[in-house]
Amino acid sequence: GLEGDLNDAKVGRIIDEYMMSSLKESKWYNALDGGVNGLERNVRN
């Protein structure tokens, strides 16, 4: 699984850094896109 790469702390940081500003502005697509990009960057590294 991905638990070693994506623990709760890291996922929380991804939400804060890549998604939260878009969510606050109700830009759902941008939030989802940012979250997927953040996950991808963390899994690849």
N, C-alpha and C. Protein backbone atom coordinates (compact mmCIF):
# COMPACT_ATOMS: atom_id res chain seq x y z
N GLY A 1 0.81 -1.19 0.00
CA GLY A 1 0.00 0.00 0.00
C GLY A 1 0.85 1.25 0.00
N LEU A 2 0.18 2.33 0.13
CA LEU A 2 0.83 3.64 0.10
C LEU A 2 0.98 4.27 1.48
N GLU A 3 0.62 3.55 2.54
CA GLU A 3 0.68 4.12 3.88
C GLU A 3 2.07 4.63 4.23
N GLY A 4 3.11 3.96 3.79
CA GLY A 4 4.46 4.43 4.07
C GLY A 4 4.79 5.73 3.36
N ASP A 5 4.25 5.90 2.17
CA ASP A 5 4.50 7.11 1.39
C ASP A 5 3.52 8.23 1.72
N LEU A 6 2.30 7.87 2.07
CA LEU A 6 1.25 8.87 2.29
C LEU A 6 0.60 8.68 3.65
N ASN A 7 1.35 8.97 4.70
CA ASN A 7 0.78 8.87 6.04
C ASN A 7 -0.17 10.05 6.29
N ASP A 8 -0.87 10.02 7.41
CA ASP A 8 -1.87 11.05 7.71
C ASP A 8 -1.29 12.46 7.71
N ALA A 9 -0.11 12.62 8.26
CA ALA A 9 0.52 13.94 8.33
C ALA A 9 0.82 14.48 6.93
N LYS A 10 1.33 13.62 6.07
CA LYS A 10 1.67 14.05 4.72
C LYS A 10 0.41 14.39 3.92
N VAL A 11 -0.64 13.60 4.07
CA VAL A 11 -1.89 13.88 3.36
C VAL A 11 -2.49 15.19 3.88
N GLY A 12 -2.40 15.43 5.17
CA GLY A 12 -2.88 16.70 5.72
C GLY A 12 -2.13 17.88 5.14
N ARG A 13 -0.83 17.72 4.97
CA ARG A 13 -0.03 18.79 4.37
C ARG A 13 -0.42 19.00 2.91
N ILE A 14 -0.67 17.93 2.19
CA ILE A 14 -1.11 18.04 0.79
C ILE A 14 -2.42 18.81 0.71
N ILE A 15 -3.35 18.48 1.58
CA ILE A 15 -4.64 19.19 1.60
C ILE A 15 -4.41 20.67 1.86
N ASP A 16 -3.60 20.99 2.87
CA ASP A 16 -3.34 22.39 3.21
C ASP A 16 -2.64 23.13 2.07
N GLU A 17 -1.63 22.52 1.47
CA GLU A 17 -0.81 23.20 0.47
C GLU A 17 -1.44 23.24 -0.92
N TYR A 18 -2.13 22.18 -1.30
CA TYR A 18 -2.59 22.06 -2.69
C TYR A 18 -4.09 22.25 -2.88
N MET A 19 -4.87 22.15 -1.81
CA MET A 19 -6.32 22.13 -1.98
C MET A 19 -7.08 23.22 -1.24
N MET A 20 -6.64 23.58 -0.05
CA MET A 20 -7.46 24.39 0.85
C MET A 20 -7.86 25.74 0.28
N SER A 21 -6.95 26.43 -0.38
CA SER A 21 -7.31 27.75 -0.91
C SER A 21 -8.41 27.65 -1.96
N SER A 22 -8.35 26.63 -2.80
CA SER A 22 -9.41 26.44 -3.80
C SER A 22 -10.72 26.04 -3.15
N LEU A 23 -10.66 25.20 -2.13
CA LEU A 23 -11.89 24.80 -1.43
C LEU A 23 -12.56 25.99 -0.77
N LYS A 24 -11.78 26.89 -0.20
CA LYS A 24 -12.35 28.08 0.44
C LYS A 24 -13.06 28.97 -0.56
N GLU A 25 -12.64 28.92 -1.82
CA GLU A 25 -13.26 29.72 -2.88
C GLU A 25 -14.30 28.93 -3.67
N SER A 26 -14.65 27.73 -3.19
CA SER A 26 -15.61 26.83 -3.85
C SER A 26 -15.20 26.48 -5.27
N LYS A 27 -13.91 26.39 -5.50
CA LYS A 27 -13.38 25.97 -6.80
C LYS A 27 -13.05 24.48 -6.70
N TRP A 28 -14.09 23.66 -6.82
CA TRP A 28 -13.98 22.23 -6.55
C TRP A 28 -13.03 21.53 -7.51
N TYR A 29 -13.13 21.84 -8.80
CA TYR A 29 -12.25 21.19 -9.77
C TYR A 29 -10.80 21.53 -9.47
N ASN A 30 -10.50 22.79 -9.20
CA ASN A 30 -9.12 23.20 -8.91
C ASN A 30 -8.60 22.51 -7.66
N ALA A 31 -9.47 22.35 -6.66
CA ALA A 31 -9.06 21.67 -5.43
C ALA A 31 -8.73 20.20 -5.70
N LEU A 32 -9.59 19.54 -6.46
CA LEU A 32 -9.35 18.13 -6.79
C LEU A 32 -8.09 17.97 -7.63
N ASP A 33 -7.93 18.84 -8.61
CA ASP A 33 -6.75 18.79 -9.47
C ASP A 33 -5.48 19.02 -8.65
N GLY A 34 -5.51 19.99 -7.76
CA GLY A 34 -4.36 20.26 -6.91
C GLY A 34 -4.05 19.09 -5.99
N GLY A 35 -5.09 18.47 -5.44
CA GLY A 35 -4.89 17.33 -4.57
C GLY A 35 -4.26 16.14 -5.30
N VAL A 36 -4.75 15.87 -6.50
CA VAL A 36 -4.18 14.77 -7.29
C VAL A 36 -2.73 15.07 -7.63
N ASN A 37 -2.44 16.30 -8.02
CA ASN A 37 -1.05 16.68 -8.32
C ASN A 37 -0.17 16.55 -7.09
N GLY A 38 -0.66 16.97 -5.94
CA GLY A 38 0.11 16.84 -4.71
C GLY A 38 0.37 15.39 -4.34
N LEU A 39 -0.63 14.54 -4.50
CA LEU A 39 -0.44 13.11 -4.23
C LEU A 39 0.58 12.51 -5.18
N GLU A 40 0.45 12.86 -6.45
CA GLU A 40 1.39 12.33 -7.45
C GLU A 40 2.83 12.73 -7.14
N ARG A 41 3.03 13.98 -6.79
CA ARG A 41 4.38 14.45 -6.47
C ARG A 41 4.97 13.72 -5.28
N ASN A 42 4.15 13.44 -4.29
CA ASN A 42 4.64 12.76 -3.09
C ASN A 42 4.88 11.28 -3.30
N VAL A 43 4.13 10.65 -4.17
CA VAL A 43 4.32 9.23 -4.43
C VAL A 43 5.56 9.02 -5.30
N ARG A 44 5.79 9.91 -6.24
CA ARG A 44 6.95 9.78 -7.13
C ARG A 44 8.27 10.06 -6.43
N ASN A 45 8.25 10.86 -5.38
CA ASN A 45 9.50 11.21 -4.69
C ASN A 45 9.76 10.28 -3.59
